[in-house]
PDB file of N, CA and C in Angstrom:
ATOM      1  N   MET A   1      93.615 153.262  99.365  1.00  0.00           N
ATOM      2  CA  MET A   1      94.833 152.736  99.845  1.00  0.00           C
ATOM      3  C   MET A   1      94.768 152.767 100.812  1.00  0.00           C
ATOM      4  N   THR A   2      94.514 153.452 101.953  1.00  0.00           N
ATOM      5  CA  THR A   2      94.292 153.265 103.441  1.00  0.00           C
ATOM      6  C   THR A   2      94.122 151.612 103.667  1.00  0.00           C
ATOM      7  N   TRP A   3      92.685 151.391 103.126  1.00  0.00           N
ATOM      8  CA  TRP A   3      92.228 150.467 102.822  1.00  0.00           C
ATOM      9  C   TRP A   3      92.658 148.500 102.874  1.00  0.00           C
ATOM     10  N   LEU A   4      93.407 148.994 101.681  1.00  0.00           N
ATOM     11  CA  LEU A   4      93.757 148.454 101.482  1.00  0.00           C
ATOM     12  C   LEU A   4      95.027 148.016 101.925  1.00  0.00           C
ATOM     13  N   ILE A   5      95.770 148.681 102.153  1.00  0.00           N
ATOM     14  CA  ILE A   5      97.254 148.300 103.608  1.00  0.00           C
ATOM     15  C   ILE A   5      97.357 147.745 104.064  1.00  0.00           C
ATOM     16  N   SER A   6      96.102 147.684 105.401  1.00  0.00           N
ATOM     17  CA  SER A   6      94.729 148.250 105.925  1.00  0.00           C
ATOM     18  C   SER A   6      95.070 145.989 105.706  1.00  0.00           C
ATOM     19  N   LEU A   7      93.943 146.405 104.934  1.00  0.00           N
ATOM     20  CA  LEU A   7      93.833 144.525 104.673  1.00  0.00           C
ATOM     21  C   LEU A   7      95.062 143.214 104.578  1.00  0.00           C
ATOM     22  N   VAL A   8      96.092 143.650 104.016  1.00  0.00           N
ATOM     23  CA  VAL A   8      97.421 143.615 103.484  1.00  0.00           C
ATOM     24  C   VAL A   8      97.533 143.401 105.474  1.00  0.00           C
ATOM     25  N   ALA A   9      98.190 144.109 105.646  1.00  0.00           N
ATOM     26  CA  ALA A   9      98.675 143.920 106.359  1.00  0.00           C
ATOM     27  C   ALA A   9      98.004 142.727 107.723  1.00  0.00           C
ATOM     28  N   GLY A  10      96.143 143.102 107.481  1.00  0.00           N
ATOM     29  CA  GLY A  10      95.915 142.590 108.531  1.00  0.00           C
ATOM     30  C   GLY A  10      95.701 140.544 107.943  1.00  0.00           C
ATOM     31  N   LEU A  11      95.931 140.077 107.020  1.00  0.00           N
ATOM     32  CA  LEU A  11      95.548 139.341 106.707  1.00  0.00           C
ATOM     33  C   LEU A  11      97.118 138.242 106.477  1.00  0.00           C
ATOM     34  N   ILE A  12      98.096 139.122 106.211  1.00  0.00           N
ATOM     35  CA  ILE A  12      99.918 138.459 105.900  1.00  0.00           C
ATOM     36  C   ILE A  12      99.876 139.338 107.823  1.00  0.00           C
ATOM     37  N   GLY A  13      99.915 139.505 108.511  1.00  0.00           N
ATOM     38  CA  GLY A  13     100.142 139.550 109.232  1.00  0.00           C
ATOM     39  C   GLY A  13     101.772 140.450 109.710  1.00  0.00           C
ATOM     40  N   VAL A  14     101.604 141.188 109.058  1.00  0.00           N
ATOM     41  CA  VAL A  14     103.281 142.241 108.445  1.00  0.00           C
ATOM     42  C   VAL A  14     102.637 143.636 109.086  1.00  0.00           C
ATOM     43  N   PRO A  15     103.618 144.335 109.366  1.00  0.00           N
ATOM     44  CA  PRO A  15     103.776 146.093 109.885  1.00  0.00           C
ATOM     45  C   PRO A  15     102.764 146.816 108.712  1.00  0.00           C
ATOM     46  N   ARG A  16     102.643 147.165 109.087  1.00  0.00           N
ATOM     47  CA  ARG A  16     101.676 148.673 108.016  1.00  0.00           C
ATOM     48  C   ARG A  16     102.729 148.898 106.547  1.00  0.00           C
ATOM     49  N   PRO A  17     103.789 149.404 107.266  1.00  0.00           N
ATOM     50  CA  PRO A  17     104.487 149.907 106.017  1.00  0.00           C
ATOM     51  C   PRO A  17     105.502 149.384 104.988  1.00  0.00           C
ATOM     52  N   LEU A  18     105.443 147.466 105.658  1.00  0.00           N
ATOM     53  CA  LEU A  18     105.840 147.030 104.943  1.00  0.00           C
ATOM     54  C   LEU A  18     105.055 146.167 103.862  1.00  0.00           C
ATOM     55  N   ALA A  19     103.706 146.349 104.590  1.00  0.00           N
ATOM     56  CA  ALA A  19     102.272 146.304 103.433  1.00  0.00           C
ATOM     57  C   ALA A  19     102.107 147.192 102.183  1.00  0.00           C
ATOM     58  N   GLY A  20     102.423 148.448 102.931  1.00  0.00           N
ATOM     59  CA  GLY A  20     102.521 149.478 101.525  1.00  0.00           C
ATOM     60  C   GLY A  20     103.320 148.492 100.536  1.00  0.00           C
ATOM     61  N   ILE A  21     104.702 148.746 100.894  1.00  0.00           N
ATOM     62  CA  ILE A  21     105.440 148.020 100.166  1.00  0.00           C
ATOM     63  C   ILE A  21     105.511 146.841  98.924  1.00  0.00           C
ATOM     64  N   ILE A  22     104.556 146.483 100.198  1.00  0.00           N
ATOM     65  CA  ILE A  22     103.675 145.159  99.321  1.00  0.00           C
ATOM     66  C   ILE A  22     102.983 145.012  98.260  1.00  0.00           C
ATOM     67  N   ILE A  23     101.903 146.639  98.362  1.00  0.00           N
ATOM     68  CA  ILE A  23     100.691 146.614  97.164  1.00  0.00           C
ATOM     69  C   ILE A  23     101.886 148.009  96.498  1.00  0.00           C
ATOM     70  N   TRP A  24     103.006 148.236  96.208  1.00  0.00           N
ATOM     71  CA  TRP A  24     103.855 148.695  95.478  1.00  0.00           C
ATOM     72  C   TRP A  24     104.207 147.549  95.108  1.00  0.00           C
ATOM     73  N   VAL A  25     104.884 147.013  95.329  1.00  0.00           N
ATOM     74  CA  VAL A  25     105.379 145.589  94.207  1.00  0.00           C
ATOM     75  C   VAL A  25     104.207 144.704  93.843  1.00  0.00           C
ATOM     76  N   ALA A  26     103.221 144.978  94.420  1.00  0.00           N
ATOM     77  CA  ALA A  26     102.531 143.231  93.064  1.00  0.00           C
ATOM     78  C   ALA A  26     101.886 144.550  92.178  1.00  0.00           C
ATOM     79  N   ILE A  27     101.536 145.481  92.315  1.00  0.00           N
ATOM     80  CA  ILE A  27     101.334 147.095  91.374  1.00  0.00           C
ATOM     81  C   ILE A  27     101.453 146.889  90.344  1.00  0.00           C
ATOM     82  N   ALA A  28     103.693 147.259  90.539  1.00  0.00           N
ATOM     83  CA  ALA A  28     104.395 147.320  90.061  1.00  0.00           C
ATOM     84  C   ALA A  28     104.647 145.554  89.052  1.00  0.00           C
ATOM     85  N   ALA A  29     104.339 145.121  89.071  1.00  0.00           N
ATOM     86  CA  ALA A  29     105.307 144.085  88.943  1.00  0.00           C
ATOM     87  C   ALA A  29     103.345 143.914  87.484  1.00  0.00           C
ATOM     88  N   ALA A  30     102.494 143.900  88.215  1.00  0.00           N
ATOM     89  CA  ALA A  30     100.770 143.970  86.846  1.00  0.00           C
ATOM     90  C   ALA A  30     101.505 144.877  85.881  1.00  0.00           C
ATOM     91  N   VAL A  31     101.997 146.566  86.485  1.00  0.00           N
ATOM     92  CA  VAL A  31     101.887 146.814  85.173  1.00  0.00           C
ATOM     93  C   VAL A  31     103.015 146.421  84.357  1.00  0.00           C
ATOM     94  N   SER A  32     103.750 145.813  84.819  1.00  0.00           N
ATOM     95  CA  SER A  32     105.937 145.189  84.449  1.00  0.00           C
ATOM     96  C   SER A  32     104.728 144.431  82.974  1.00  0.00           C
ATOM     97  N   GLY A  33     103.996 143.077  83.856  1.00  0.00           N
ATOM     98  CA  GLY A  33     104.299 142.393  83.441  1.00  0.00           C
ATOM     99  C   GLY A  33     102.495 142.793  81.959  1.00  0.00           C
ATOM    100  N   THR A  34     101.814 143.628  82.028  1.00  0.00           N
ATOM    101  CA  THR A  34     100.585 144.195  80.985  1.00  0.00           C
ATOM    102  C   THR A  34     101.341 145.208  80.084  1.00  0.00           C
ATOM    103  N   ALA A  35     102.128 145.910  80.120  1.00  0.00           N
ATOM    104  CA  ALA A  35     103.054 146.668  79.303  1.00  0.00           C
ATOM    105  C   ALA A  35     103.921 145.222  78.755  1.00  0.00           C
ATOM    106  N   LEU A  36     104.733 144.062  79.004  1.00  0.00           N
ATOM    107  CA  LEU A  36     105.265 143.351  78.704  1.00  0.00           C
ATOM    108  C   LEU A  36     104.751 142.335  77.751  1.00  0.00           C
ATOM    109  N   GLY A  37     102.805 142.450  78.002  1.00  0.00           N
ATOM    110  CA  GLY A  37     102.070 141.270  77.193  1.00  0.00           C
ATOM    111  C   GLY A  37     101.599 141.957  75.960  1.00  0.00           C
ATOM    112  N   GLY A  38     101.184 143.101  76.357  1.00  0.00           N
ATOM    113  CA  GLY A  38     101.838 144.206  74.970  1.00  0.00           C
ATOM    114  C   GLY A  38     102.265 143.913  74.262  1.00  0.00           C
ATOM    115  N   TYR A  39     104.055 144.000  74.626  1.00  0.00           N
ATOM    116  CA  TYR A  39     104.875 144.615  73.681  1.00  0.00           C
ATOM    117  C   TYR A  39     104.641 142.951  72.662  1.00  0.00           C
ATOM    118  N   ALA A  40     104.112 141.729  73.198  1.00  0.00           N
ATOM    119  CA  ALA A  40     104.773 141.231  72.394  1.00  0.00           C
ATOM    120  C   ALA A  40     104.015 140.195  71.632  1.00  0.00           C
ATOM    121  N   LEU A  41     102.473 141.451  72.341  1.00  0.00           N
ATOM    122  CA  LEU A  41     100.944 140.931  71.737  1.00  0.00           C
ATOM    123  C   LEU A  41     101.705 141.765  69.766  1.00  0.00           C
ATOM    124  N   ILE A  42     101.774 142.968  70.312  1.00  0.00           N
ATOM    125  CA  ILE A  42     102.354 143.969  68.991  1.00  0.00           C
ATOM    126  C   ILE A  42     103.251 143.388  67.940  1.00  0.00           C
ATOM    127  N   LYS A  43     103.934 142.531  68.812  1.00  0.00           N
ATOM    128  CA  LYS A  43     105.458 142.317  68.262  1.00  0.00           C
ATOM    129  C   LYS A  43     104.510 140.556  67.180  1.00  0.00           C
ATOM    130  N   HIS A  44     104.212 140.078  68.412  1.00  0.00           N
ATOM    131  CA  HIS A  44     103.444 138.932  66.912  1.00  0.00           C
ATOM    132  C   HIS A  44     102.408 139.356  66.103  1.00  0.00           C
ATOM    133  N   TRP A  45     102.186 140.573  66.134  1.00  0.00           N
ATOM    134  CA  TRP A  45     100.882 141.131  64.732  1.00  0.00           C
ATOM    135  C   TRP A  45     101.989 141.702  63.629  1.00  0.00           C
ATOM    136  N   GLY A  46     103.079 142.154  64.006  1.00  0.00           N
ATOM    137  CA  GLY A  46     104.217 142.519  63.284  1.00  0.00           C
ATOM    138  C   GLY A  46     104.425 141.170  62.222  1.00  0.00           C
ATOM    139  N   ALA A  47     105.043 140.434  63.200  1.00  0.00           N
ATOM    140  CA  ALA A  47     105.507 138.803  63.082  1.00  0.00           C
ATOM    141  C   ALA A  47     104.783 138.381  61.550  1.00  0.00           C
ATOM    142  N   ASP A  48     103.824 139.061  62.475  1.00  0.00           N
ATOM    143  CA  ASP A  48     102.766 137.847  61.417  1.00  0.00           C
ATOM    144  C   ASP A  48     102.299 138.212  60.180  1.00  0.00           C
ATOM    145  N   GLU A  49     101.547 139.672  60.203  1.00  0.00           N
ATOM    146  CA  GLU A  49     101.448 140.393  58.856  1.00  0.00           C
ATOM    147  C   GLU A  49     102.762 140.394  57.994  1.00  0.00           C
ATOM    148  N   LEU A  50     103.386 140.493  58.273  1.00  0.00           N
ATOM    149  CA  LEU A  50     105.842 140.216  58.161  1.00  0.00           C
ATOM    150  C   LEU A  50     105.742 138.669  56.916  1.00  0.00           C
ATOM    151  N   ARG A  51     104.908 138.028  57.660  1.00  0.00           N
ATOM    152  CA  ARG A  51     105.034 136.823  57.884  1.00  0.00           C
ATOM    153  C   ARG A  51     103.590 136.158  56.026  1.00  0.00           C
ATOM    154  N   ALA A  52     103.034 136.857  56.544  1.00  0.00           N
ATOM    155  CA  ALA A  52     101.319 136.686  55.441  1.00  0.00           C
ATOM    156  C   ALA A  52     102.179 137.652  54.439  1.00  0.00           C
ATOM    157  N   LYS A  53     102.955 138.459  54.142  1.00  0.00           N
ATOM    158  CA  LYS A  53     103.500 139.751  53.282  1.00  0.00           C
ATOM    159  C   LYS A  53     104.370 138.888  52.190  1.00  0.00           C
ATOM    160  N   ILE A  54     105.207 138.291  52.515  1.00  0.00           N
ATOM    161  CA  ILE A  54     106.633 137.217  52.164  1.00  0.00           C
ATOM    162  C   ILE A  54     105.403 136.113  51.762  1.00  0.00           C
ATOM    163  N   GLU A  55     104.548 135.362  52.681  1.00  0.00           N
ATOM    164  CA  GLU A  55     103.928 134.252  51.947  1.00  0.00           C
ATOM    165  C   GLU A  55     103.751 134.975  50.021  1.00  0.00           C
ATOM    166  N   LYS A  56     102.753 136.265  50.374  1.00  0.00           N
ATOM    167  CA  LYS A  56     101.415 136.464  49.257  1.00  0.00           C
ATOM    168  C   LYS A  56     103.030 136.415  48.468  1.00  0.00           C
ATOM    169  N   GLU A  57     104.206 136.956  47.962  1.00  0.00           N
ATOM    170  CA  GLU A  57     104.506 137.535  47.858  1.00  0.00           C
ATOM    171  C   GLU A  57     106.187 136.839  46.859  1.00  0.00           C
ATOM    172  N   ASN A  58     105.939 134.873  48.282  1.00  0.00           N
ATOM    173  CA  ASN A  58     106.276 133.887  46.816  1.00  0.00           C
ATOM    174  C   ASN A  58     105.551 132.894  46.642  1.00  0.00           C
ATOM    175  N   THR A  59     104.356 132.961  46.897  1.00  0.00           N
ATOM    176  CA  THR A  59     103.521 132.510  46.219  1.00  0.00           C
ATOM    177  C   THR A  59     103.404 133.372  44.493  1.00  0.00           C
ATOM    178  N   ASP A  60     103.014 134.780  44.491  1.00  0.00           N
ATOM    179  CA  ASP A  60     103.590 135.652  43.330  1.00  0.00           C
ATOM    180  C   ASP A  60     104.129 135.432  42.044  1.00  0.00           C
ATOM    181  N   ALA A  61     105.549 135.207  43.004  1.00  0.00           N
ATOM    182  CA  ALA A  61     106.494 134.274  42.533  1.00  0.00           C
ATOM    183  C   ALA A  61     106.256 133.478  42.212  1.00  0.00           C
ATOM    184  N   ILE A  62     105.969 132.303  42.008  1.00  0.00           N
ATOM    185  CA  ILE A  62     105.953 130.536  42.204  1.00  0.00           C
ATOM    186  C   ILE A  62     105.072 130.693  40.849  1.00  0.00           C
ATOM    187  N   HIS A  63     103.930 131.163  40.855  1.00  0.00           N
ATOM    188  CA  HIS A  63     102.445 131.365  39.907  1.00  0.00           C
ATOM    189  C   HIS A  63     103.791 132.668  38.508  1.00  0.00           C
ATOM    190  N   LYS A  64     104.491 133.312  38.792  1.00  0.00           N
ATOM    191  CA  LYS A  64     105.072 134.064  37.338  1.00  0.00           C
ATOM    192  C   LYS A  64     106.003 132.870  36.913  1.00  0.00           C
ATOM    193  N   GLY A  65     106.558 131.873  37.422  1.00  0.00           N
ATOM    194  CA  GLY A  65     107.904 131.660  37.506  1.00  0.00           C
ATOM    195  C   GLY A  65     107.331 129.817  36.287  1.00  0.00           C
ATOM    196  N   ILE A  66     106.349 130.007  37.417  1.00  0.00           N
ATOM    197  CA  ILE A  66     105.276 128.609  35.796  1.00  0.00           C
ATOM    198  C   ILE A  66     104.912 129.175  34.558  1.00  0.00           C
ATOM    199  N   ASP A  67     103.984 130.665  34.997  1.00  0.00           N
ATOM    200  CA  ASP A  67     104.062 131.393  34.157  1.00  0.00           C
ATOM    201  C   ASP A  67     105.291 131.634  32.883  1.00  0.00           C
ATOM    202  N   ALA A  68     106.120 131.391  33.642  1.00  0.00           N
ATOM    203  CA  ALA A  68     107.568 132.385  32.356  1.00  0.00           C
ATOM    204  C   ALA A  68     108.109 130.776  31.648  1.00  0.00           C
ATOM    205  N   ARG A  69     107.941 129.707  32.394  1.00  0.00           N
ATOM    206  CA  ARG A  69     107.792 128.678  32.378  1.00  0.00           C
ATOM    207  C   ARG A  69     107.567 127.427  30.626  1.00  0.00           C
ATOM    208  N   MET A  70     106.028 128.206  31.074  1.00  0.00           N
ATOM    209  CA  MET A  70     105.404 127.194  30.486  1.00  0.00           C
ATOM    210  C   MET A  70     105.555 128.380  28.983  1.00  0.00           C
ATOM    211  N   SER A  71     105.548 129.967  28.810  1.00  0.00           N
ATOM    212  CA  SER A  71     105.963 130.229  27.818  1.00  0.00           C
ATOM    213  C   SER A  71     106.713 130.682  27.301  1.00  0.00           C
ATOM    214  N   LEU A  72     108.349 129.895  28.357  1.00  0.00           N
ATOM    215  CA  LEU A  72     109.949 129.597  27.928  1.00  0.00           C
ATOM    216  C   LEU A  72     109.603 128.185  26.831  1.00  0.00           C
ATOM    217  N   ASP A  73     108.518 126.885  26.998  1.00  0.00           N
ATOM    218  CA  ASP A  73     108.491 125.829  26.730  1.00  0.00           C
ATOM    219  C   ASP A  73     107.871 125.899  25.094  1.00  0.00           C
ATOM    220  N   GLU A  74     105.998 126.845  25.064  1.00  0.00           N
ATOM    221  CA  GLU A  74     105.458 127.689  24.114  1.00  0.00           C
ATOM    222  C   GLU A  74     106.160 127.429  22.861  1.00  0.00           C
ATOM    223  N   CYS A  75     107.867 128.896  23.551  1.00  0.00           N
ATOM    224  CA  CYS A  75     108.166 129.551  22.392  1.00  0.00           C
ATOM    225  C   CYS A  75     108.991 128.589  21.680  1.00  0.00           C
ATOM    226  N   ILE A  76     109.910 127.420  22.858  1.00  0.00           N
ATOM    227  CA  ILE A  76     110.271 126.469  21.937  1.00  0.00           C
ATOM    228  C   ILE A  76     109.562 126.157  20.859  1.00  0.00           C
ATOM    229  N   ASP A  77     108.427 125.108  21.537  1.00  0.00           N
ATOM    230  CA  ASP A  77     108.262 124.486  20.915  1.00  0.00           C
ATOM    231  C   ASP A  77     107.869 125.231  19.272  1.00  0.00           C
ATOM    232  N   ALA A  78     107.120 126.518  19.197  1.00  0.00           N
ATOM    233  CA  ALA A  78     107.081 127.234  18.280  1.00  0.00           C
ATOM    234  C   ALA A  78     108.243 127.810  17.354  1.00  0.00           C
ATOM    235  N   GLY A  79     109.020 127.373  17.965  1.00  0.00           N
ATOM    236  CA  GLY A  79     110.858 127.971  16.657  1.00  0.00           C
ATOM    237  C   GLY A  79     111.384 128.872  17.129  1.00  0.00           C
ATOM    238  N   GLY A  80     110.923 129.423  18.415  1.00  0.00           N
ATOM    239  CA  GLY A  80     111.354 130.979  18.900  1.00  0.00           C
ATOM    240  C   GLY A  80     112.668 130.777  19.607  1.00  0.00           C
ATOM    241  N   VAL A  81     112.855 132.125  19.768  1.00  0.00           N
ATOM    242  CA  VAL A  81     114.348 132.137  21.016  1.00  0.00           C
ATOM    243  C   VAL A  81     114.052 133.097  22.501  1.00  0.00           C
ATOM    244  N   TYR A  82     113.867 132.554  23.656  1.00  0.00           N
ATOM    245  CA  TYR A  82     112.984 133.267  24.359  1.00  0.00           C
ATOM    246  C   TYR A  82     114.658 134.429  24.551  1.00  0.00           C
ATOM    247  N   ASP A  83     113.888 135.442  24.817  1.00  0.00           N
ATOM    248  CA  ASP A  83     114.432 136.612  25.933  1.00  0.00           C
ATOM    249  C   ASP A  83     114.580 136.688  27.084  1.00  0.00           C
ATOM    250  N   PHE A  84     115.770 135.709  27.645  1.00  0.00           N
ATOM    251  CA  PHE A  84     114.695 136.028  29.231  1.00  0.00           C
ATOM    252  C   PHE A  84     115.288 137.219  30.176  1.00  0.00           C
ATOM    253  N   GLY A  85     116.230 137.738  29.362  1.00  0.00           N
ATOM    254  CA  GLY A  85     115.840 139.645  29.516  1.00  0.00           C
ATOM    255  C   GLY A  85     114.773 140.286  29.544  1.00  0.00           C
ATOM    256  N   GLY A  86     114.237 140.453  28.680  1.00  0.00           N
ATOM    257  CA  GLY A  86     113.222 140.992  28.529  1.00  0.00           C
ATOM    258  C   GLY A  86     111.730 140.156  28.631  1.00  0.00           C
ATOM    259  N   GLN A  87     111.586 138.679  29.113  1.00  0.00           N
ATOM    260  CA  GLN A  87     110.984 137.950  29.802  1.00  0.00           C
ATOM    261  C   GLN A  87     109.957 137.447  28.593  1.00  0.00           C
ATOM    262  N   ARG A  88     110.405 137.402  27.333  1.00  0.00           N
ATOM    263  CA  ARG A  88     109.199 137.572  25.721  1.00  0.00           C
ATOM    264  C   ARG A  88     109.632 136.198  24.820  1.00  0.00           C
ATOM    265  N   CYS A  89     109.348 136.236  23.712  1.00  0.00           N
ATOM    266  CA  CYS A  89     109.774 134.605  22.931  1.00  0.00           C
ATOM    267  C   CYS A  89     110.219 136.114  21.630  1.00  0.00           C
ATOM    268  N   ASP A  90     110.793 136.003  21.040  1.00  0.00           N
ATOM    269  CA  ASP A  90     111.880 136.769  19.578  1.00  0.00           C
ATOM    270  C   ASP A  90     111.217 135.171  18.300  1.00  0.00           C
ATOM    271  N   ALA A  91     111.116 135.655  17.667  1.00  0.00           N
ATOM    272  CA  ALA A  91     110.687 134.299  16.041  1.00  0.00           C
ATOM    273  C   ALA A  91     112.597 134.241  16.436  1.00  0.00           C
ATOM    274  N   ALA A  92     112.025 132.813  16.047  1.00  0.00           N
ATOM    275  CA  ALA A  92     113.140 132.286  14.755  1.00  0.00           C
ATOM    276  C   ALA A  92     114.027 133.277  14.158  1.00  0.00           C
ATOM    277  N   SER A  93     114.812 133.009  14.257  1.00  0.00           N
ATOM    278  CA  SER A  93     115.556 133.830  13.291  1.00  0.00           C
ATOM    279  C   SER A  93     116.155 133.338  12.284  1.00  0.00           C
ATOM    280  N   THR A  94     115.701 133.158  10.926  1.00  0.00           N
ATOM    281  CA  THR A  94     115.784 133.203  10.028  1.00  0.00           C
ATOM    282  C   THR A  94     117.016 133.511   9.275  1.00  0.00           C
ATOM    283  N   GLY A  95     117.715 132.336   7.904  1.00  0.00           N
ATOM    284  CA  GLY A  95     119.466 132.083   7.416  1.00  0.00           C
ATOM    285  C   GLY A  95     119.990 131.782   8.467  1.00  0.00           C
ATOM    286  N   HIS A  96     121.342 131.444   7.978  1.00  0.00           N
ATOM    287  CA  HIS A  96     122.649 131.360   8.790  1.00  0.00           C
ATOM    288  C   HIS A  96     122.635 132.410   9.888  1.00  0.00           C
ATOM    289  N   ARG A  97     123.421 131.774  10.578  1.00  0.00           N
ATOM    290  CA  ARG A  97     124.479 132.449  12.228  1.00  0.00           C
ATOM    291  C   ARG A  97     125.092 132.776  11.565  1.00  0.00           C
TER     292      ARG A  97
END
């Protein structure tokens, strides 16, 4: 560390104590930047994973909706009554209502 302080003091032309302070500030800035960069990277990865999960759930919901619509259309075409709660087709009621 002493050689680094001497090098900085010689290059910049400042006293050795000030060169030591400059080096420690540079080290603190580098460590802080690395920590913040790591935090941002981890945050991005988490957001990407969550976004992918939500996108998959949305796609699954779309496919289920399409399947339910087709089942509804097929049920009505067959003369049945579609039960939305049970998501199934009940046979058409016979007789008067």
